All heavy atoms as atom14 arrays in JSON, in Angstrom:
{
  "sequence": "HSFVAAAEKCYVTQPTLSMQIQKLEEELGIKLFDRNNRPNTVTAI",
  "atom14_mask": [
    [1, 1, 1, 1, 1, 1, 1, 1, 1, 1, 0, 0, 0, 0],
    [1, 1, 1, 1, 1, 1, 0, 0, 0, 0, 0, 0, 0, 0],
    [1, 1, 1, 1, 1, 1, 1, 1, 1, 1, 1, 0, 0, 0],
    [1, 1, 1, 1, 1, 1, 1, 0, 0, 0, 0, 0, 0, 0],
    [1, 1, 1, 1, 1, 0, 0, 0, 0, 0, 0, 0, 0, 0],
    [1, 1, 1, 1, 1, 0, 0, 0, 0, 0, 0, 0, 0, 0],
    [1, 1, 1, 1, 1, 0, 0, 0, 0, 0, 0, 0, 0, 0],
    [1, 1, 1, 1, 1, 1, 1, 1, 1, 0, 0, 0, 0, 0],
    [1, 1, 1, 1, 1, 1, 1, 1, 1, 0, 0, 0, 0, 0],
    [1, 1, 1, 1, 1, 1, 0, 0, 0, 0, 0, 0, 0, 0],
    [1, 1, 1, 1, 1, 1, 1, 1, 1, 1, 1, 1, 0, 0],
    [1, 1, 1, 1, 1, 1, 1, 0, 0, 0, 0, 0, 0, 0],
    [1, 1, 1, 1, 1, 1, 1, 0, 0, 0, 0, 0, 0, 0],
    [1, 1, 1, 1, 1, 1, 1, 1, 1, 0, 0, 0, 0, 0],
    [1, 1, 1, 1, 1, 1, 1, 0, 0, 0, 0, 0, 0, 0],
    [1, 1, 1, 1, 1, 1, 1, 0, 0, 0, 0, 0, 0, 0],
    [1, 1, 1, 1, 1, 1, 1, 1, 0, 0, 0, 0, 0, 0],
    [1, 1, 1, 1, 1, 1, 0, 0, 0, 0, 0, 0, 0, 0],
    [1, 1, 1, 1, 1, 1, 1, 1, 0, 0, 0, 0, 0, 0],
    [1, 1, 1, 1, 1, 1, 1, 1, 1, 0, 0, 0, 0, 0],
    [1, 1, 1, 1, 1, 1, 1, 1, 0, 0, 0, 0, 0, 0],
    [1, 1, 1, 1, 1, 1, 1, 1, 1, 0, 0, 0, 0, 0],
    [1, 1, 1, 1, 1, 1, 1, 1, 1, 0, 0, 0, 0, 0],
    [1, 1, 1, 1, 1, 1, 1, 1, 0, 0, 0, 0, 0, 0],
    [1, 1, 1, 1, 1, 1, 1, 1, 1, 0, 0, 0, 0, 0],
    [1, 1, 1, 1, 1, 1, 1, 1, 1, 0, 0, 0, 0, 0],
    [1, 1, 1, 1, 1, 1, 1, 1, 1, 0, 0, 0, 0, 0],
    [1, 1, 1, 1, 1, 1, 1, 1, 0, 0, 0, 0, 0, 0],
    [1, 1, 1, 1, 0, 0, 0, 0, 0, 0, 0, 0, 0, 0],
    [1, 1, 1, 1, 1, 1, 1, 1, 0, 0, 0, 0, 0, 0],
    [1, 1, 1, 1, 1, 1, 1, 1, 1, 0, 0, 0, 0, 0],
    [1, 1, 1, 1, 1, 1, 1, 1, 0, 0, 0, 0, 0, 0],
    [1, 1, 1, 1, 1, 1, 1, 1, 1, 1, 1, 0, 0, 0],
    [1, 1, 1, 1, 1, 1, 1, 1, 0, 0, 0, 0, 0, 0],
    [1, 1, 1, 1, 1, 1, 1, 1, 1, 1, 1, 0, 0, 0],
    [1, 1, 1, 1, 1, 1, 1, 1, 0, 0, 0, 0, 0, 0],
    [1, 1, 1, 1, 1, 1, 1, 1, 0, 0, 0, 0, 0, 0],
    [1, 1, 1, 1, 1, 1, 1, 1, 1, 1, 1, 0, 0, 0],
    [1, 1, 1, 1, 1, 1, 1, 0, 0, 0, 0, 0, 0, 0],
    [1, 1, 1, 1, 1, 1, 1, 1, 0, 0, 0, 0, 0, 0],
    [1, 1, 1, 1, 1, 1, 1, 0, 0, 0, 0, 0, 0, 0],
    [1, 1, 1, 1, 1, 1, 1, 0, 0, 0, 0, 0, 0, 0],
    [1, 1, 1, 1, 1, 1, 1, 0, 0, 0, 0, 0, 0, 0],
    [1, 1, 1, 1, 1, 0, 0, 0, 0, 0, 0, 0, 0, 0],
    [1, 1, 1, 1, 1, 1, 1, 1, 0, 0, 0, 0, 0, 0]
  ],
  "atom14_positions": [
    [[7.75, -14.59, -1.65], [8.85, -14.31, -2.57], [8.42, -14.41, -4.03], [9.25, -14.75, -4.9], [10.05, -15.23, -2.3], [10.51, -15.2, -0.89], [11.2, -14.15, -0.35], [10.33, -16.09, 0.13], [11.45, -14.38, 0.92], [10.92, -15.55, 1.24], [0.0, 0.0, 0.0], [0.0, 0.0, 0.0], [0.0, 0.0, 0.0], [0.0, 0.0, 0.0]],
    [[7.16, -14.11, -4.27], [6.64, -14.22, -5.64], [5.37, -13.36, -5.75], [4.49, -13.48, -4.9], [6.3, -15.67, -5.94], [5.48, -15.8, -7.08], [0.0, 0.0, 0.0], [0.0, 0.0, 0.0], [0.0, 0.0, 0.0], [0.0, 0.0, 0.0], [0.0, 0.0, 0.0], [0.0, 0.0, 0.0], [0.0, 0.0, 0.0], [0.0, 0.0, 0.0]],
    [[5.31, -12.58, -6.81], [4.11, -11.8, -7.04], [2.95, -12.69, -7.42], [1.81, -12.46, -7.03], [4.35, -10.73, -8.11], [5.13, -9.55, -7.62], [6.49, -9.61, -7.39], [4.49, -8.35, -7.4], [7.2, -8.52, -6.94], [5.19, -7.22, -6.94], [6.54, -7.31, -6.7], [0.0, 0.0, 0.0], [0.0, 0.0, 0.0], [0.0, 0.0, 0.0]],
    [[3.22, -13.73, -8.18], [2.17, -14.65, -8.63], [1.59, -15.4, -7.41], [0.37, -15.46, -7.23], [2.69, -15.63, -9.68], [1.66, -16.69, -10.02], [3.1, -14.88, -10.94], [0.0, 0.0, 0.0], [0.0, 0.0, 0.0], [0.0, 0.0, 0.0], [0.0, 0.0, 0.0], [0.0, 0.0, 0.0], [0.0, 0.0, 0.0], [0.0, 0.0, 0.0]],
    [[2.46, -15.96, -6.58], [2.0, -16.72, -5.41], [1.25, -15.8, -4.42], [0.22, -16.18, -3.87], [3.17, -17.4, -4.72], [0.0, 0.0, 0.0], [0.0, 0.0, 0.0], [0.0, 0.0, 0.0], [0.0, 0.0, 0.0], [0.0, 0.0, 0.0], [0.0, 0.0, 0.0], [0.0, 0.0, 0.0], [0.0, 0.0, 0.0], [0.0, 0.0, 0.0]],
    [[1.77, -14.61, -4.24], [1.13, -13.64, -3.33], [-0.27, -13.29, -3.85], [-1.22, -13.21, -3.07], [1.99, -12.39, -3.2], [0.0, 0.0, 0.0], [0.0, 0.0, 0.0], [0.0, 0.0, 0.0], [0.0, 0.0, 0.0], [0.0, 0.0, 0.0], [0.0, 0.0, 0.0], [0.0, 0.0, 0.0], [0.0, 0.0, 0.0], [0.0, 0.0, 0.0]],
    [[-0.38, -13.08, -5.14], [-1.68, -12.75, -5.73], [-2.68, -13.88, -5.5], [-3.84, -13.64, -5.13], [-1.55, -12.45, -7.21], [0.0, 0.0, 0.0], [0.0, 0.0, 0.0], [0.0, 0.0, 0.0], [0.0, 0.0, 0.0], [0.0, 0.0, 0.0], [0.0, 0.0, 0.0], [0.0, 0.0, 0.0], [0.0, 0.0, 0.0], [0.0, 0.0, 0.0]],
    [[-2.24, -15.1, -5.71], [-3.09, -16.27, -5.49], [-3.55, -16.34, -4.02], [-4.73, -16.56, -3.74], [-2.36, -17.56, -5.86], [-2.17, -17.71, -7.34], [-1.32, -18.93, -7.7], [-0.92, -19.69, -6.8], [-1.05, -19.11, -8.9], [0.0, 0.0, 0.0], [0.0, 0.0, 0.0], [0.0, 0.0, 0.0], [0.0, 0.0, 0.0], [0.0, 0.0, 0.0]],
    [[-2.64, -16.11, -3.09], [-2.98, -16.17, -1.65], [-3.91, -15.02, -1.26], [-4.68, -15.14, -0.3], [-1.72, -16.14, -0.81], [-0.79, -17.32, -1.03], [-1.43, -18.61, -0.59], [-0.46, -19.76, -0.79], [-1.01, -21.03, -0.36], [0.0, 0.0, 0.0], [0.0, 0.0, 0.0], [0.0, 0.0, 0.0], [0.0, 0.0, 0.0], [0.0, 0.0, 0.0]],
    [[-3.82, -13.9, -1.97], [-4.65, -12.74, -1.67], [-5.94, -12.74, -2.49], [-6.75, -11.8, -2.37], [-3.88, -11.45, -1.91], [-2.5, -11.19, -0.78], [0.0, 0.0, 0.0], [0.0, 0.0, 0.0], [0.0, 0.0, 0.0], [0.0, 0.0, 0.0], [0.0, 0.0, 0.0], [0.0, 0.0, 0.0], [0.0, 0.0, 0.0], [0.0, 0.0, 0.0]],
    [[-6.13, -13.74, -3.35], [-7.34, -13.87, -4.15], [-7.53, -12.69, -5.09], [-8.66, -12.21, -5.25], [-8.57, -14.12, -3.29], [-8.43, -15.28, -2.38], [-8.19, -15.12, -1.03], [-8.51, -16.59, -2.88], [-8.05, -16.22, -0.19], [-8.34, -17.68, -2.05], [-8.13, -17.49, -0.71], [-7.96, -18.57, 0.11], [0.0, 0.0, 0.0], [0.0, 0.0, 0.0]],
    [[-6.44, -12.22, -5.7], [-6.51, -11.18, -6.72], [-5.64, -11.59, -7.88], [-4.85, -12.52, -7.79], [-6.03, -9.79, -6.17], [-6.93, -9.29, -5.07], [-4.6, -9.85, -5.7], [0.0, 0.0, 0.0], [0.0, 0.0, 0.0], [0.0, 0.0, 0.0], [0.0, 0.0, 0.0], [0.0, 0.0, 0.0], [0.0, 0.0, 0.0], [0.0, 0.0, 0.0]],
    [[-5.77, -10.87, -8.99], [-4.9, -11.16, -10.13], [-3.5, -10.57, -9.87], [-3.37, -9.61, -9.11], [-5.47, -10.57, -11.43], [-5.48, -9.14, -11.32], [-6.86, -11.12, -11.71], [0.0, 0.0, 0.0], [0.0, 0.0, 0.0], [0.0, 0.0, 0.0], [0.0, 0.0, 0.0], [0.0, 0.0, 0.0], [0.0, 0.0, 0.0], [0.0, 0.0, 0.0]],
    [[-2.55, -11.15, -10.52], [-1.18, -10.66, -10.37], [-1.04, -9.22, -10.83], [-0.39, -8.42, -10.14], [-0.18, -11.6, -11.09], [1.26, -11.22, -10.92], [1.72, -10.26, -11.99], [1.29, -10.33, -13.15], [2.57, -9.33, -11.62], [0.0, 0.0, 0.0], [0.0, 0.0, 0.0], [0.0, 0.0, 0.0], [0.0, 0.0, 0.0], [0.0, 0.0, 0.0]],
    [[-1.65, -8.8, -11.95], [-1.54, -7.4, -12.33], [-2.13, -6.43, -11.28], [-1.59, -5.35, -11.05], [-2.29, -7.31, -13.66], [-2.2, -8.7, -14.22], [-2.27, -9.6, -13.03], [0.0, 0.0, 0.0], [0.0, 0.0, 0.0], [0.0, 0.0, 0.0], [0.0, 0.0, 0.0], [0.0, 0.0, 0.0], [0.0, 0.0, 0.0], [0.0, 0.0, 0.0]],
    [[-3.22, -6.84, -10.67], [-3.84, -6.01, -9.62], [-2.89, -5.84, -8.45], [-2.65, -4.73, -7.95], [-5.17, -6.62, -9.14], [-6.07, -6.65, -10.24], [-5.78, -5.83, -8.0], [0.0, 0.0, 0.0], [0.0, 0.0, 0.0], [0.0, 0.0, 0.0], [0.0, 0.0, 0.0], [0.0, 0.0, 0.0], [0.0, 0.0, 0.0], [0.0, 0.0, 0.0]],
    [[-2.31, -6.95, -8.0], [-1.38, -6.9, -6.86], [-0.18, -6.07, -7.22], [0.24, -5.19, -6.45], [-0.97, -8.33, -6.48], [0.0, -8.42, -5.31], [-0.51, -9.44, -4.31], [1.38, -8.78, -5.79], [0.0, 0.0, 0.0], [0.0, 0.0, 0.0], [0.0, 0.0, 0.0], [0.0, 0.0, 0.0], [0.0, 0.0, 0.0], [0.0, 0.0, 0.0]],
    [[0.39, -6.27, -8.4], [1.58, -5.52, -8.82], [1.28, -4.02, -8.91], [2.12, -3.21, -8.5], [2.06, -6.02, -10.19], [2.56, -7.31, -10.09], [0.0, 0.0, 0.0], [0.0, 0.0, 0.0], [0.0, 0.0, 0.0], [0.0, 0.0, 0.0], [0.0, 0.0, 0.0], [0.0, 0.0, 0.0], [0.0, 0.0, 0.0], [0.0, 0.0, 0.0]],
    [[0.12, -3.66, -9.43], [-0.24, -2.28, -9.55], [-0.33, -1.62, -8.17], [0.12, -0.48, -7.96], [-1.56, -2.11, -10.3], [-2.01, -0.68, -10.5], [-3.62, -0.53, -11.31], [-4.69, -1.29, -10.12], [0.0, 0.0, 0.0], [0.0, 0.0, 0.0], [0.0, 0.0, 0.0], [0.0, 0.0, 0.0], [0.0, 0.0, 0.0], [0.0, 0.0, 0.0]],
    [[-0.96, -2.3, -7.22], [-1.1, -1.74, -5.88], [0.26, -1.6, -5.17], [0.5, -0.6, -4.47], [-2.04, -2.6, -5.05], [-3.49, -2.46, -5.49], [-4.0, -1.04, -5.42], [-3.79, -0.34, -4.44], [-4.67, -0.62, -6.46], [0.0, 0.0, 0.0], [0.0, 0.0, 0.0], [0.0, 0.0, 0.0], [0.0, 0.0, 0.0], [0.0, 0.0, 0.0]],
    [[1.16, -2.55, -5.38], [2.48, -2.43, -4.78], [3.25, -1.29, -5.44], [3.96, -0.54, -4.75], [3.23, -3.78, -4.85], [2.56, -4.74, -3.87], [4.71, -3.58, -4.53], [3.17, -6.13, -3.84], [0.0, 0.0, 0.0], [0.0, 0.0, 0.0], [0.0, 0.0, 0.0], [0.0, 0.0, 0.0], [0.0, 0.0, 0.0], [0.0, 0.0, 0.0]],
    [[3.11, -1.15, -6.74], [3.77, -0.05, -7.43], [3.27, 1.29, -6.91], [4.06, 2.21, -6.69], [3.56, -0.15, -8.94], [4.26, 0.91, -9.72], [4.07, 0.75, -11.21], [3.34, -0.11, -11.69], [4.73, 1.6, -11.98], [0.0, 0.0, 0.0], [0.0, 0.0, 0.0], [0.0, 0.0, 0.0], [0.0, 0.0, 0.0], [0.0, 0.0, 0.0]],
    [[1.97, 1.42, -6.68], [1.41, 2.65, -6.12], [1.99, 2.92, -4.72], [2.32, 4.06, -4.39], [-0.1, 2.58, -6.05], [-0.81, 2.74, -7.38], [-2.31, 2.7, -7.22], [-3.01, 2.87, -8.53], [-4.48, 2.9, -8.37], [0.0, 0.0, 0.0], [0.0, 0.0, 0.0], [0.0, 0.0, 0.0], [0.0, 0.0, 0.0], [0.0, 0.0, 0.0]],
    [[2.11, 1.87, -3.92], [2.68, 2.01, -2.59], [4.12, 2.47, -2.68], [4.55, 3.39, -1.95], [2.56, 0.69, -1.81], [3.2, 0.64, -0.44], [2.54, 1.68, 0.5], [3.08, -0.76, 0.14], [0.0, 0.0, 0.0], [0.0, 0.0, 0.0], [0.0, 0.0, 0.0], [0.0, 0.0, 0.0], [0.0, 0.0, 0.0], [0.0, 0.0, 0.0]],
    [[4.89, 1.85, -3.56], [6.3, 2.22, -3.75], [6.41, 3.69, -4.2], [7.28, 4.42, -3.72], [6.96, 1.31, -4.76], [7.17, -0.12, -4.23], [7.73, -1.06, -5.24], [7.43, -0.91, -6.47], [8.48, -1.96, -4.84], [0.0, 0.0, 0.0], [0.0, 0.0, 0.0], [0.0, 0.0, 0.0], [0.0, 0.0, 0.0], [0.0, 0.0, 0.0]],
    [[5.54, 4.1, -5.1], [5.56, 5.5, -5.58], [5.27, 6.45, -4.43], [5.91, 7.5, -4.3], [4.58, 5.69, -6.71], [5.02, 5.04, -8.0], [3.96, 5.05, -9.09], [2.86, 5.62, -8.87], [4.2, 4.49, -10.17], [0.0, 0.0, 0.0], [0.0, 0.0, 0.0], [0.0, 0.0, 0.0], [0.0, 0.0, 0.0], [0.0, 0.0, 0.0]],
    [[4.3, 6.12, -3.62], [3.93, 6.97, -2.48], [5.07, 7.07, -1.49], [5.35, 8.13, -0.95], [2.67, 6.41, -1.8], [2.18, 7.32, -0.68], [0.88, 6.84, -0.07], [0.16, 6.06, -0.7], [0.6, 7.23, 1.08], [0.0, 0.0, 0.0], [0.0, 0.0, 0.0], [0.0, 0.0, 0.0], [0.0, 0.0, 0.0], [0.0, 0.0, 0.0]],
    [[5.73, 5.92, -1.23], [6.86, 5.9, -0.28], [8.15, 6.47, -0.88], [9.05, 6.85, -0.15], [7.1, 4.48, 0.2], [5.99, 3.84, 1.02], [6.28, 2.38, 1.27], [5.81, 4.6, 2.36], [0.0, 0.0, 0.0], [0.0, 0.0, 0.0], [0.0, 0.0, 0.0], [0.0, 0.0, 0.0], [0.0, 0.0, 0.0], [0.0, 0.0, 0.0]],
    [[8.23, 6.45, -2.2], [9.45, 6.92, -2.87], [10.6, 5.93, -2.8], [11.77, 6.33, -2.91], [0.0, 0.0, 0.0], [0.0, 0.0, 0.0], [0.0, 0.0, 0.0], [0.0, 0.0, 0.0], [0.0, 0.0, 0.0], [0.0, 0.0, 0.0], [0.0, 0.0, 0.0], [0.0, 0.0, 0.0], [0.0, 0.0, 0.0], [0.0, 0.0, 0.0]],
    [[10.29, 4.65, -2.62], [11.32, 3.63, -2.57], [10.82, 2.36, -3.26], [9.62, 2.18, -3.47], [11.69, 3.25, -1.11], [10.51, 2.67, -0.36], [12.29, 4.44, -0.38], [10.84, 1.99, 0.95], [0.0, 0.0, 0.0], [0.0, 0.0, 0.0], [0.0, 0.0, 0.0], [0.0, 0.0, 0.0], [0.0, 0.0, 0.0], [0.0, 0.0, 0.0]],
    [[11.75, 1.48, -3.6], [11.41, 0.17, -4.15], [11.43, -0.82, -2.98], [12.42, -0.91, -2.27], [12.4, -0.28, -5.22], [12.28, 0.5, -6.49], [11.01, 0.17, -7.19], [10.88, 0.89, -8.51], [9.57, 0.75, -9.1], [0.0, 0.0, 0.0], [0.0, 0.0, 0.0], [0.0, 0.0, 0.0], [0.0, 0.0, 0.0], [0.0, 0.0, 0.0]],
    [[10.33, -1.52, -2.77], [10.26, -2.51, -1.71], [10.87, -3.84, -2.11], [11.38, -4.56, -1.26], [8.8, -2.74, -1.31], [8.07, -1.54, -0.68], [6.58, -1.86, -0.51], [8.7, -1.2, 0.66], [0.0, 0.0, 0.0], [0.0, 0.0, 0.0], [0.0, 0.0, 0.0], [0.0, 0.0, 0.0], [0.0, 0.0, 0.0], [0.0, 0.0, 0.0]],
    [[10.78, -4.15, -3.4], [11.21, -5.48, -3.87], [12.21, -5.38, -5.05], [12.07, -4.48, -5.89], [10.01, -6.31, -4.33], [9.04, -6.5, -3.23], [7.87, -5.75, -3.16], [9.25, -7.44, -2.23], [6.98, -5.9, -2.11], [8.36, -7.62, -1.19], [7.2, -6.83, -1.13], [0.0, 0.0, 0.0], [0.0, 0.0, 0.0], [0.0, 0.0, 0.0]],
    [[13.17, -6.3, -5.03], [14.1, -6.42, -6.15], [13.44, -7.4, -7.11], [13.38, -8.59, -6.86], [15.44, -6.95, -5.67], [16.44, -7.07, -6.8], [16.06, -6.88, -7.97], [17.61, -7.4, -6.51], [0.0, 0.0, 0.0], [0.0, 0.0, 0.0], [0.0, 0.0, 0.0], [0.0, 0.0, 0.0], [0.0, 0.0, 0.0], [0.0, 0.0, 0.0]],
    [[12.92, -6.86, -8.19], [12.19, -7.7, -9.17], [13.13, -8.39, -10.16], [12.68, -9.19, -10.96], [11.19, -6.83, -9.92], [10.04, -6.35, -9.02], [9.3, -5.21, -9.7], [8.13, -4.77, -8.98], [8.1, -3.94, -7.95], [9.25, -3.48, -7.49], [6.97, -3.58, -7.37], [0.0, 0.0, 0.0], [0.0, 0.0, 0.0], [0.0, 0.0, 0.0]],
    [[14.42, -8.08, -10.1], [15.38, -8.7, -11.04], [15.8, -10.08, -10.6], [16.32, -10.84, -11.37], [16.59, -7.82, -11.17], [16.26, -6.48, -11.8], [15.44, -6.4, -12.68], [16.88, -5.42, -11.32], [0.0, 0.0, 0.0], [0.0, 0.0, 0.0], [0.0, 0.0, 0.0], [0.0, 0.0, 0.0], [0.0, 0.0, 0.0], [0.0, 0.0, 0.0]],
    [[15.59, -10.43, -9.33], [15.98, -11.7, -8.8], [14.77, -12.61, -8.7], [13.66, -12.16, -8.46], [16.6, -11.57, -7.4], [17.93, -10.9, -7.43], [18.66, -10.98, -8.4], [18.25, -10.18, -6.37], [0.0, 0.0, 0.0], [0.0, 0.0, 0.0], [0.0, 0.0, 0.0], [0.0, 0.0, 0.0], [0.0, 0.0, 0.0], [0.0, 0.0, 0.0]],
    [[14.98, -13.91, -8.86], [13.95, -14.89, -8.6], [14.52, -15.82, -7.55], [15.58, -16.37, -7.8], [13.59, -15.67, -9.85], [12.94, -14.8, -10.94], [11.53, -14.35, -10.54], [10.86, -13.63, -11.6], [10.84, -12.31, -11.7], [11.47, -11.57, -10.84], [10.19, -11.73, -12.7], [0.0, 0.0, 0.0], [0.0, 0.0, 0.0], [0.0, 0.0, 0.0]],
    [[13.91, -16.03, -6.46], [12.66, -15.43, -6.04], [12.82, -13.95, -5.72], [13.92, -13.49, -5.47], [12.27, -16.21, -4.79], [13.58, -16.7, -4.23], [14.48, -16.92, -5.43], [0.0, 0.0, 0.0], [0.0, 0.0, 0.0], [0.0, 0.0, 0.0], [0.0, 0.0, 0.0], [0.0, 0.0, 0.0], [0.0, 0.0, 0.0], [0.0, 0.0, 0.0]],
    [[11.69, -13.23, -5.77], [11.7, -11.81, -5.47], [12.17, -11.61, -4.02], [11.79, -12.34, -3.14], [10.31, -11.2, -5.64], [9.84, -11.24, -7.07], [8.87, -11.91, -7.36], [10.53, -10.57, -7.95], [0.0, 0.0, 0.0], [0.0, 0.0, 0.0], [0.0, 0.0, 0.0], [0.0, 0.0, 0.0], [0.0, 0.0, 0.0], [0.0, 0.0, 0.0]],
    [[13.01, -10.61, -3.85], [13.54, -10.34, -2.49], [13.17, -8.91, -2.09], [12.98, -8.03, -2.92], [15.07, -10.52, -2.45], [15.66, -9.66, -3.44], [15.46, -11.96, -2.71], [0.0, 0.0, 0.0], [0.0, 0.0, 0.0], [0.0, 0.0, 0.0], [0.0, 0.0, 0.0], [0.0, 0.0, 0.0], [0.0, 0.0, 0.0], [0.0, 0.0, 0.0]],
    [[13.07, -8.73, -0.8], [12.84, -7.38, -0.23], [14.15, -6.61, -0.29], [15.22, -7.15, 0.02], [12.33, -7.52, 1.23], [12.13, -6.13, 1.82], [11.07, -8.32, 1.29], [0.0, 0.0, 0.0], [0.0, 0.0, 0.0], [0.0, 0.0, 0.0], [0.0, 0.0, 0.0], [0.0, 0.0, 0.0], [0.0, 0.0, 0.0], [0.0, 0.0, 0.0]],
    [[14.08, -5.37, -0.71], [15.27, -4.53, -0.74], [15.68, -4.17, 0.67], [14.88, -4.26, 1.62], [15.01, -3.23, -1.54], [13.98, -2.48, -0.87], [14.63, -3.5, -2.98], [0.0, 0.0, 0.0], [0.0, 0.0, 0.0], [0.0, 0.0, 0.0], [0.0, 0.0, 0.0], [0.0, 0.0, 0.0], [0.0, 0.0, 0.0], [0.0, 0.0, 0.0]],
    [[16.93, -3.76, 0.82], [17.42, -3.38, 2.15], [16.59, -2.23, 2.71], [16.28, -2.22, 3.91], [18.9, -2.99, 2.06], [0.0, 0.0, 0.0], [0.0, 0.0, 0.0], [0.0, 0.0, 0.0], [0.0, 0.0, 0.0], [0.0, 0.0, 0.0], [0.0, 0.0, 0.0], [0.0, 0.0, 0.0], [0.0, 0.0, 0.0], [0.0, 0.0, 0.0]],
    [[16.26, -1.27, 1.88], [15.47, -0.11, 2.34], [14.01, -0.51, 2.57], [13.31, 0.09, 3.37], [15.57, 1.06, 1.36], [15.12, 2.34, 2.04], [14.83, 0.83, 0.07], [15.52, 3.6, 1.3], [0.0, 0.0, 0.0], [0.0, 0.0, 0.0], [0.0, 0.0, 0.0], [0.0, 0.0, 0.0], [0.0, 0.0, 0.0], [0.0, 0.0, 0.0]]
  ]
}
């Protein structure tokens, strides 16, 4: 439920992780995460 924590667990920087998720979302044409809430939540779609 956190981009920062996920990046740490994946051994990458947070910007790298965010960029890759953004690319995935663009390819799928949907938003996977609601970034306005803390903790980050998965969208219904």
